[in-house]
Protein backbone atom coordinates (compact mmCIF):
# COMPACT_ATOMS: atom_id res chain seq x y z
CA MET A 1 256.54 65.86 25.21
CA LYS A 2 258.86 63.23 26.71
CA ASN A 3 257.54 59.79 27.62
CA LEU A 4 258.84 58.10 30.76
CA LEU A 5 258.20 54.60 32.10
CA ILE A 6 258.39 54.09 35.88
CA ILE A 7 258.63 50.51 37.16
CA ASP A 8 258.13 50.23 40.93
CA ASP A 9 256.01 47.82 42.98
CA ASP A 10 254.83 50.72 45.17
CA PRO A 11 252.28 52.86 43.23
CA GLU A 12 252.59 55.73 45.72
CA ILE A 13 256.32 56.02 45.09
CA SER A 14 255.73 55.97 41.34
CA ARG A 15 253.15 58.76 41.59
CA SER A 16 255.41 60.77 43.90
CA LEU A 17 258.21 60.54 41.36
CA ALA A 18 255.91 61.62 38.54
CA ASN A 19 254.73 64.63 40.57
CA LEU A 20 258.28 66.00 40.61
CA PHE A 21 258.11 66.70 36.87
CA ASP A 22 256.28 69.27 34.76
CA PRO A 23 253.14 67.52 33.37
CA GLU A 24 253.27 69.75 30.29
CA ARG A 25 256.69 68.36 29.36
CA TYR A 26 256.52 64.75 30.57
CA ARG A 27 254.01 61.94 30.12
CA PHE A 28 254.30 58.94 32.48
CA ASN A 29 253.56 55.25 32.16
CA PHE A 30 253.61 52.90 35.16
CA LEU A 31 254.30 49.20 35.75
CA GLU A 32 254.25 47.52 39.17
CA ASP A 33 256.02 44.36 38.00
CA GLY A 34 258.96 44.32 35.64
CA GLN A 35 258.12 41.04 33.92
CA GLY A 36 256.32 42.92 31.16
CA MET A 37 258.93 45.67 30.79
CA VAL A 38 260.60 44.45 27.60
CA ARG A 39 257.30 43.73 25.87
CA PHE A 40 255.88 47.12 26.96
CA ILE A 41 258.90 48.99 25.56
CA GLU A 42 258.71 47.05 22.29
CA GLU A 43 255.01 47.94 21.98
CA HIS A 44 255.60 51.60 22.91
CA PRO A 45 258.59 52.85 20.89
CA GLU A 46 257.81 56.41 22.03
CA ILE A 47 259.29 55.67 25.49
CA ASP A 48 262.32 57.94 26.03
CA VAL A 49 263.56 56.93 29.50
CA VAL A 50 262.90 54.12 32.00
CA LEU A 51 263.09 54.56 35.79
CA LEU A 52 263.60 51.01 37.08
CA ASP A 53 263.51 49.96 40.75
CA VAL A 54 266.21 47.47 41.75
CA ASN A 55 263.98 45.54 44.17
CA LEU A 56 260.91 44.10 42.46
CA PRO A 57 258.71 41.16 43.53
CA THR A 58 259.60 38.70 40.76
CA LEU A 59 262.67 39.58 38.69
CA SER A 60 265.14 42.09 40.14
CA GLY A 61 265.77 45.36 38.35
CA LEU A 62 269.31 44.20 37.53
CA ASP A 63 267.95 41.06 35.83
CA LEU A 64 265.51 43.19 33.84
CA LEU A 65 268.34 45.52 32.82
CA LYS A 66 270.29 42.54 31.47
CA GLN A 67 267.22 41.28 29.61
CA ALA A 68 266.70 44.67 28.00
CA LYS A 69 270.31 44.87 26.83
CA LEU A 70 270.17 41.33 25.45
CA LYS A 71 267.08 42.33 23.43
CA GLY A 72 268.98 45.27 21.96
CA ILE A 73 266.93 47.92 23.77
CA ASP A 74 269.04 51.06 23.92
CA ILE A 75 266.64 53.30 25.83
CA PRO A 76 268.37 54.97 28.82
CA ILE A 77 267.52 52.97 31.94
CA ILE A 78 267.97 54.76 35.27
CA MET A 79 268.21 52.33 38.18
CA ILE A 80 266.65 53.44 41.48
CA SER A 81 267.20 51.74 44.82
CA GLY A 82 265.93 52.12 48.36
CA PHE A 83 269.23 51.08 49.92
CA VAL A 84 272.89 51.73 49.22
CA SER A 85 274.86 48.87 47.67
CA THR A 86 278.24 49.37 46.02
CA GLU A 87 277.92 45.90 44.45
CA ASN A 88 274.57 46.75 42.81
CA ALA A 89 275.87 50.13 41.64
CA MET A 90 278.97 48.53 40.13
CA GLU A 91 276.99 45.80 38.40
CA ALA A 92 274.30 48.17 37.10
CA MET A 93 276.82 50.47 35.44
CA ARG A 94 278.78 47.54 34.02
CA GLU A 95 275.59 46.12 32.50
CA GLY A 96 274.82 49.41 30.76
CA ALA A 97 272.55 51.40 33.08
CA TYR A 98 272.42 55.11 32.27
CA GLU A 99 272.62 56.01 35.98
CA TYR A 100 272.17 54.49 39.44
CA LEU A 101 270.36 56.61 42.04
CA THR A 102 269.50 55.82 45.66
CA LYS A 103 266.53 56.98 47.72
CA PRO A 104 265.88 59.49 49.15
CA PHE A 105 266.65 61.35 45.94
CA GLU A 106 268.18 64.75 45.56
CA ILE A 107 265.26 66.12 43.56
CA GLN A 108 267.30 68.41 41.34
CA LYS A 109 269.81 65.67 40.60
CA LEU A 110 267.00 63.31 39.62
CA ILE A 111 265.41 65.91 37.32
CA ASN A 112 268.78 66.77 35.75
CA THR A 113 269.58 63.10 35.18
CA VAL A 114 266.22 62.48 33.48
CA ASN A 115 266.65 65.59 31.30
CA LYS A 116 270.09 64.44 30.17
CA ALA A 117 268.81 60.93 29.54
CA CYS A 118 266.01 62.33 27.38
CA GLY A 119 268.64 63.83 25.10
CA TYR A 120 270.28 60.45 24.68
CA HIS A 121 270.06 59.23 21.08
CA LYS A 122 267.97 56.03 20.96
CA THR A 123 269.28 53.41 18.58
CA LYS A 124 267.89 49.90 18.64
CA SER A 125 270.04 47.05 17.43
CA GLN A 126 268.80 45.65 14.13
CA HIS A 127 269.96 42.18 15.06
CA GLN A 128 270.19 40.55 18.46
CA GLU A 129 273.83 40.07 19.31
CA THR A 130 275.39 37.07 20.93
CA ALA A 131 274.55 37.12 24.62
CA PRO A 132 277.46 38.44 26.65
CA ASP A 133 278.74 36.74 29.76
CA VAL A 134 276.40 38.08 32.44
CA GLN A 135 278.04 36.26 35.32
CA THR A 136 278.68 38.64 38.18
CA TYR A 137 282.27 39.30 39.25
CA LEU A 138 282.25 41.57 42.27
CA VAL A 139 284.90 42.62 44.74
CA ASP A 140 283.55 42.60 48.27
CA GLU A 141 286.65 44.27 49.74
CA ILE A 142 285.28 47.68 48.72
CA ILE A 143 283.07 48.46 51.69
CA GLY A 144 281.00 51.56 52.29
CA LYS A 145 277.71 53.29 51.70
CA SER A 146 278.85 56.91 51.49
CA PRO A 147 277.95 58.80 48.28
CA GLU A 148 281.64 58.95 47.38
CA ILE A 149 282.06 55.17 47.54
CA VAL A 150 278.85 54.57 45.57
CA GLU A 151 280.12 56.93 42.83
CA ILE A 152 283.43 55.02 42.76
CA ALA A 153 281.53 51.73 42.42
CA LYS A 154 279.58 53.16 39.50
CA LEU A 155 282.81 54.33 37.85
CA ILE A 156 284.32 50.86 38.29
CA GLY A 157 281.31 49.37 36.54
CA GLN A 158 281.69 51.81 33.64
CA VAL A 159 285.45 51.65 33.08
CA SER A 160 285.56 47.86 33.46
CA LYS A 161 283.84 47.53 30.09
CA SER A 162 286.81 49.08 28.27
CA ASP A 163 290.60 48.72 28.24
CA ALA A 164 291.17 52.43 28.90
CA ALA A 165 294.04 53.46 31.16
CA VAL A 166 292.94 54.56 34.63
CA LEU A 167 294.65 56.94 37.05
CA ILE A 168 293.64 56.66 40.72
CA PHE A 169 294.32 59.58 43.08
CA GLY A 170 294.15 59.54 46.86
CA GLU A 171 296.08 59.57 50.10
CA SER A 172 298.03 56.55 51.29
CA GLY A 173 295.87 53.88 52.86
CA THR A 174 292.61 54.80 51.13
CA GLY A 175 292.38 51.55 49.13
CA LYS A 176 293.61 52.49 45.66
CA GLU A 177 294.85 48.98 44.90
CA LEU A 178 291.48 47.49 45.90
CA ILE A 179 289.83 49.70 43.29
CA ALA A 180 292.38 48.63 40.67
CA ARG A 181 291.66 44.97 41.48
CA ALA A 182 287.92 45.64 41.27
CA ILE A 183 288.32 47.10 37.79
CA HIS A 184 290.32 44.05 36.71
CA ARG A 185 287.93 41.49 38.20
CA ASN A 186 284.93 43.13 36.55
CA SER A 187 286.64 43.35 33.15
CA SER A 188 286.98 40.91 30.26
CA ARG A 189 290.58 40.32 31.45
CA ARG A 190 289.40 38.86 34.77
CA ASN A 191 290.81 35.39 34.03
CA LYS A 192 294.25 36.78 33.13
CA PRO A 193 297.01 38.01 35.49
CA PHE A 194 296.76 41.09 37.71
CA LEU A 195 300.24 42.21 38.76
CA SER A 196 301.08 45.08 41.11
CA VAL A 197 304.33 47.07 41.19
CA ASN A 198 305.23 49.70 43.80
CA CYS A 199 307.31 52.24 41.89
CA ALA A 200 308.54 53.89 45.11
CA ALA A 201 309.94 50.67 46.57
CA LEU A 202 312.60 50.04 43.92
CA ALA A 203 315.65 51.94 42.68
CA GLU A 204 315.51 53.17 39.07
CA THR A 205 317.59 50.33 37.59
CA LEU A 206 315.74 47.68 39.55
CA LEU A 207 312.34 49.15 38.63
CA GLU A 208 313.22 49.12 34.92
CA SER A 209 314.23 45.47 35.15
CA GLU A 210 311.13 44.66 37.22
CA LEU A 211 308.84 46.17 34.59
CA PHE A 212 310.55 45.21 31.32
CA GLY A 213 312.79 42.30 32.31
CA HIS A 214 316.44 41.91 31.32
CA GLU A 215 318.67 39.76 29.18
CA LYS A 216 321.46 37.60 30.54
CA GLY A 217 324.57 39.74 31.11
CA ALA A 218 322.65 43.04 30.85
CA PHE A 219 324.31 44.22 34.08
CA THR A 220 326.40 42.89 36.94
CA GLY A 221 324.49 40.07 38.57
CA ALA A 222 322.21 39.38 35.59
CA TYR A 223 323.12 35.71 35.30
CA PHE A 224 319.86 34.69 33.66
CA LYS A 225 317.26 36.18 31.36
CA ARG A 226 314.32 37.50 33.36
CA LEU A 227 310.80 38.29 32.19
CA GLY A 228 309.43 41.59 33.44
CA LYS A 229 305.98 42.33 34.83
CA PHE A 230 304.66 43.50 31.44
CA GLU A 231 305.41 40.14 29.84
CA GLN A 232 304.06 38.27 32.86
CA ALA A 233 300.85 40.34 32.76
CA ASN A 234 300.25 39.85 29.04
CA GLN A 235 296.50 39.95 28.24
CA GLY A 236 295.89 40.98 31.85
CA THR A 237 296.27 44.14 33.95
CA ILE A 238 299.30 45.81 35.51
CA PHE A 239 298.89 48.18 38.46
CA LEU A 240 301.63 50.78 38.95
CA ASP A 241 301.40 52.21 42.46
CA GLU A 242 303.13 55.47 43.42
CA ILE A 243 303.66 56.31 39.73
CA ALA A 244 304.95 59.80 40.64
CA ASP A 245 308.15 58.23 42.04
CA MET A 246 309.14 56.76 38.67
CA SER A 247 312.21 58.32 37.01
CA LEU A 248 311.86 60.32 33.78
CA LEU A 249 313.84 57.69 31.86
CA THR A 250 311.52 54.88 32.94
CA GLN A 251 308.54 57.15 32.27
CA SER A 252 309.61 57.51 28.63
CA LYS A 253 309.74 53.71 28.24
CA LEU A 254 306.39 53.37 29.95
CA LEU A 255 304.91 55.91 27.54
CA ARG A 256 305.97 53.77 24.59
CA VAL A 257 304.23 50.73 26.09
CA LEU A 258 301.06 52.79 26.49
CA GLN A 259 301.22 54.11 22.93
CA GLU A 260 302.46 51.06 21.03
CA GLN A 261 302.24 48.10 23.44
CA LYS A 262 305.89 47.37 22.62
CA PHE A 263 309.18 47.41 24.59
CA GLU A 264 312.65 45.86 24.81
CA ARG A 265 314.14 44.08 27.78
CA VAL A 266 317.05 45.78 29.53
CA GLY A 267 320.18 44.89 27.57
CA GLY A 268 318.18 43.41 24.70
CA ASN A 269 317.33 44.35 21.10
CA GLU A 270 314.28 42.17 20.55
CA THR A 271 311.02 44.15 20.38
CA ILE A 272 308.33 42.44 22.44
CA ASP A 273 304.62 42.95 21.81
CA VAL A 274 302.22 42.84 24.75
CA ASP A 275 298.53 43.39 25.38
CA VAL A 276 298.27 44.88 28.86
CA ARG A 277 295.77 47.19 30.49
CA MET A 278 297.45 49.80 32.67
CA ILE A 279 296.13 51.23 35.94
CA ALA A 280 298.26 53.70 37.89
CA ALA A 281 297.91 55.33 41.29
CA THR A 282 299.52 58.14 43.23
CA ASN A 283 299.18 59.97 46.54
CA LYS A 284 300.94 63.04 45.10
CA SER A 285 299.72 65.86 42.90
CA LEU A 286 300.88 65.00 39.39
CA VAL A 287 300.01 68.56 38.34
CA GLN A 288 302.61 69.83 40.79
CA CYS A 289 305.08 67.14 39.68
CA MET A 290 304.68 68.30 36.07
CA LYS A 291 305.32 71.90 37.12
CA GLU A 292 308.49 70.78 38.88
CA GLY A 293 309.56 68.79 35.80
CA SER A 294 309.57 65.40 37.55
CA PHE A 295 306.64 63.93 35.61
CA ARG A 296 306.05 63.89 31.86
CA VAL A 297 303.02 65.80 30.60
CA ASP A 298 302.41 63.39 27.71
CA LEU A 299 302.47 60.39 30.08
CA PHE A 300 300.04 62.13 32.43
CA TYR A 301 297.43 62.52 29.71
CA ARG A 302 298.01 58.99 28.41
CA LEU A 303 297.40 57.58 31.89
CA LYS A 304 294.52 59.90 32.75
CA VAL A 305 291.98 58.59 30.23
CA VAL A 306 289.78 57.92 33.26
CA SER A 307 290.58 59.30 36.71
CA ILE A 308 289.17 58.15 40.04
CA TYR A 309 289.58 60.15 43.25
CA VAL A 310 289.44 58.15 46.50
CA PRO A 311 288.52 60.44 49.41
CA PRO A 312 290.27 60.03 52.78
CA LEU A 313 288.42 58.24 55.57
CA ARG A 314 287.92 61.48 57.53
CA GLU A 315 285.70 62.73 54.69
CA ARG A 316 283.45 59.64 54.72
CA LYS A 317 283.17 58.72 58.38
CA GLY A 318 279.81 57.08 57.76
CA ASP A 319 281.77 54.15 56.32
CA ILE A 320 283.74 53.55 59.54
CA PRO A 321 281.11 51.26 61.22
CA LEU A 322 280.84 49.09 58.09
CA LEU A 323 284.61 48.84 57.68
CA ALA A 324 285.12 48.13 61.39
CA ASP A 325 282.48 45.40 61.36
CA SER A 326 284.12 43.74 58.36
CA PHE A 327 287.57 43.85 59.96
CA ILE A 328 286.22 42.46 63.27
CA LYS A 329 284.67 39.49 61.50
CA ARG A 330 287.90 38.75 59.66
CA PHE A 331 290.27 39.08 62.62
CA SER A 332 287.88 37.37 65.01
CA LYS A 333 287.93 34.34 62.73
CA GLN A 334 291.71 34.47 62.27
CA LEU A 335 292.31 34.69 66.03
CA SER A 336 289.60 32.13 66.90
CA LYS A 337 287.91 34.66 69.18
CA ASP A 338 284.24 35.37 69.74
CA ILE A 339 284.23 39.15 69.21
CA HIS A 340 280.81 40.52 68.35
CA ALA A 341 281.18 44.27 67.84
CA ILE A 342 282.51 47.58 69.16
CA SER A 343 281.16 49.21 72.31
CA PRO A 344 279.30 52.53 71.88
CA LYS A 345 282.15 54.46 73.54
CA ALA A 346 284.75 52.85 71.27
CA SER A 347 282.56 53.53 68.24
CA GLN A 348 282.35 57.21 69.20
CA MET A 349 286.13 57.31 69.66
CA LEU A 350 286.68 55.90 66.16
CA ASN A 351 284.32 58.49 64.71
CA ASN A 352 286.08 61.37 66.49
CA TYR A 353 289.55 60.36 65.30
CA ALA A 354 290.97 61.99 62.13
CA TRP A 355 292.53 58.78 60.67
CA PRO A 356 295.62 60.23 58.97
CA GLY A 357 296.51 56.69 57.86
CA ASN A 358 293.01 56.17 56.45
CA VAL A 359 291.48 52.70 56.05
CA ARG A 360 294.86 50.99 56.52
CA GLU A 361 295.25 52.65 59.93
CA LEU A 362 291.70 51.68 60.91
CA GLU A 363 292.39 48.08 59.89
CA ASN A 364 295.59 47.99 61.97
CA ASN A 365 293.79 49.43 65.00
CA ILE A 366 290.98 46.87 64.73
CA HIS A 367 293.57 44.09 64.39
CA THR A 368 295.41 45.24 67.52
CA ALA A 369 292.16 45.65 69.45
CA CYS A 370 291.07 42.12 68.50
CA VAL A 371 294.42 40.76 69.70
CA MET A 372 294.33 42.68 73.00
CA THR A 373 290.68 42.32 74.02
CA LYS A 374 289.42 39.67 76.43
CA ALA A 375 285.77 40.57 75.94
CA GLU A 376 283.09 40.17 73.29
CA LEU A 377 282.90 43.95 72.75
CA LEU A 378 285.93 46.03 71.82
CA GLN A 379 286.51 48.82 74.33
CA PRO A 380 288.32 52.17 73.81
CA GLU A 381 291.38 51.01 75.76
CA ASP A 382 291.86 48.12 73.33
CA PHE A 383 292.77 50.50 70.50
CA PRO A 384 296.25 52.03 69.98
CA ILE A 385 294.72 55.41 69.12
CA SER A 386 293.16 55.69 72.60
CA SER A 387 296.46 56.71 74.20
CA GLU A 388 296.96 59.40 71.53
CA LEU A 389 293.47 60.79 72.02
CA ASN A 390 293.79 60.73 75.81
CA SER A 391 297.03 62.72 75.60
CA LYS A 392 295.26 65.69 74.02
CA VAL A 393 295.03 68.78 76.19
CA GLU A 394 291.93 70.95 76.27
CA ILE A 395 292.67 74.43 74.95
CA ASP A 396 290.83 77.60 75.93
CA LEU A 397 290.31 79.19 72.50
CA ASP A 398 288.71 82.32 73.97
CA ASN A 399 291.95 83.34 75.69
CA LEU A 400 294.28 82.73 72.75
CA GLN A 401 293.77 86.22 71.31
CA ASP A 402 296.26 86.56 68.41
CA ASP A 403 298.95 84.21 69.74
CA TYR A 404 298.43 80.63 68.60
CA THR A 405 301.86 79.39 69.71
CA GLU A 406 300.48 77.57 72.74
CA LEU A 407 297.74 76.00 70.64
CA PHE A 408 300.25 74.50 68.20
CA ARG A 409 302.64 73.49 71.02
CA LYS A 410 299.93 71.43 72.69
CA ILE A 411 299.07 69.79 69.37
CA ILE A 412 302.68 69.04 68.42
CA ASP A 413 304.06 67.85 71.79
CA PRO A 414 302.20 64.50 71.92
CA VAL A 415 303.11 63.56 68.34
CA LEU A 416 306.68 64.93 68.20
CA PRO A 417 308.39 61.57 68.98
CA LYS A 418 306.47 59.93 66.14
CA LEU A 419 307.38 62.80 63.80
CA ILE A 420 311.07 62.46 64.69
CA ASN A 421 311.01 58.74 63.90
CA ASN A 422 309.02 58.97 60.69
CA SER A 423 309.82 62.28 58.96
CA GLU A 424 313.50 61.57 58.11
CA GLY A 425 314.79 65.03 58.97
CA LYS A 426 311.99 66.87 57.18
CA ILE A 427 309.77 67.84 60.11
CA TYR A 428 309.72 71.53 59.19
CA TYR A 429 308.63 70.89 55.59
CA PHE A 430 306.18 68.19 56.68
CA LEU A 431 304.41 70.39 59.26
CA GLU A 432 304.48 73.51 57.09
CA SER A 433 302.85 71.77 54.14
CA ALA A 434 300.39 69.89 56.39
CA LEU A 435 299.26 73.10 58.08
CA GLU A 436 298.92 74.91 54.75
CA ARG A 437 296.85 72.08 53.29
CA ALA A 438 294.65 71.80 56.40
CA LEU A 439 294.05 75.56 56.49
CA ILE A 440 293.13 75.79 52.80
CA SER A 441 290.90 72.69 53.00
CA ALA A 442 289.09 74.06 56.06
CA CYS A 443 288.50 77.48 54.47
CA LEU A 444 287.26 75.98 51.20
CA LYS A 445 284.83 73.81 53.15
CA HIS A 446 283.72 76.78 55.27
CA PHE A 447 283.00 78.92 52.20
CA GLY A 448 281.37 76.15 50.17
CA SER A 449 284.36 75.78 47.79
CA ASN A 450 284.16 79.49 46.89
CA GLN A 451 287.73 80.25 45.82
CA VAL A 452 287.20 84.02 45.73
CA LYS A 453 286.12 84.14 49.39
CA THR A 454 288.82 81.66 50.41
CA SER A 455 291.65 83.61 48.77
CA GLU A 456 290.36 86.87 50.30
CA ILE A 457 290.18 85.51 53.85
CA LEU A 458 293.60 83.83 53.54
CA GLY A 459 295.17 86.95 52.05
CA ILE A 460 296.60 85.18 49.01
CA SER A 461 295.93 85.57 45.30
CA ARG A 462 293.56 83.23 43.45
CA ASN A 463 296.49 81.98 41.34
CA THR A 464 298.35 81.02 44.52
CA LEU A 465 295.24 79.31 45.85
CA ARG A 466 294.79 77.33 42.63
CA ASP A 467 298.45 76.33 42.76
CA ARG A 468 298.08 75.02 46.34
CA ILE A 469 294.85 73.17 45.48
CA ALA A 470 296.69 71.36 42.68
CA ARG A 471 299.85 70.81 44.76
CA TYR A 472 298.04 69.21 47.69
CA ASN A 473 295.38 67.35 45.70
CA ILE A 474 292.60 69.26 47.49
CA TYR A 475 289.22 68.18 46.13
């Protein structure tokens, strides 16, 4: 028999939660106010798991969680909340919550979480440790209420407690650097430097010097000794964006820093010790890069102690209104305009758009709309994407039969000038890979991620399908 404690100021909710579980396997205790939680647990050592509401009448659930940890209580505490908050999720996981769940619950997920928590080995501290710094350091740039963003917030809270390397995956413009900054600002290194390096923006020799520094005379133009980013970020965090574009030679030096926290400046013999936490990000499939021999396998596993996937905006469109509102407030203030919100028609337009440039593209569109508008509400015509959407031609799918040439012509024609300007002579490869990725993603979604069905309907082998899933970072 497992003993659970539910703390919620609504008795009906507490009883409803209890009714989800088998009474022959679980015994429940209830508290409507959390002020007596610590004393109750100390008096009832048989308690296996606590379900703790975030919003309570006196002390919040987060405050009670901190109290419990300060007292050395190591019982799994599952936080439950009636509203979605990435800040609360991040803080709860950082403070040691077993899990953070939002209402309405997925019943099976709740039951599974409680079952796993019951298997958690309870160990109470024999001596109360020095109280940790419980001041809250949150990053409000991470905006959203989608399940994916809440899970990312919880991961940030967990990984911030350690110095483990983190690898962030996701398309360009999804906010990978914001997540890296959030990890840093919630960590014990928060008062030390956070430095960012874009590995794709520098040539190999320049990148090596940027990271490790160089000695005077190391190469033509090296008139002075220069400290690299690793020395500058000592005791802090370094963020390496577009890590897949780093050369193999620089990768080998980076691996040594990860393994030994040592390196030499370019042109120097002195071994320099550093204490730096490393966070890397990429919009490419590192699995495919390893297959092609452009990325070291040992570096991949050193970086991927913890991995975070950031989904594209088109897969979490429920976050668009929150993001748009935040951008409007910022740009309205910057431009000294009185812009209140987005009109219903403009809001629908934003929701219907695919956002290939993700959050960055949405931000740019909101900025432009705020500059162009003369009203308090942003209208569809204020946004750059309106002209692109208006140029789309309706297609009669019923009359296409087996010839989809006209369909693709009408899709490509409006965007061809942009492709010519941006694809650098690789339009064929760009469109071929984009179509393949879109087709595989759509089929996987249609068949509920069933790879057998997807490979059958596409007419390709499962090995080929797995290869494409890895190549295109399809999640």
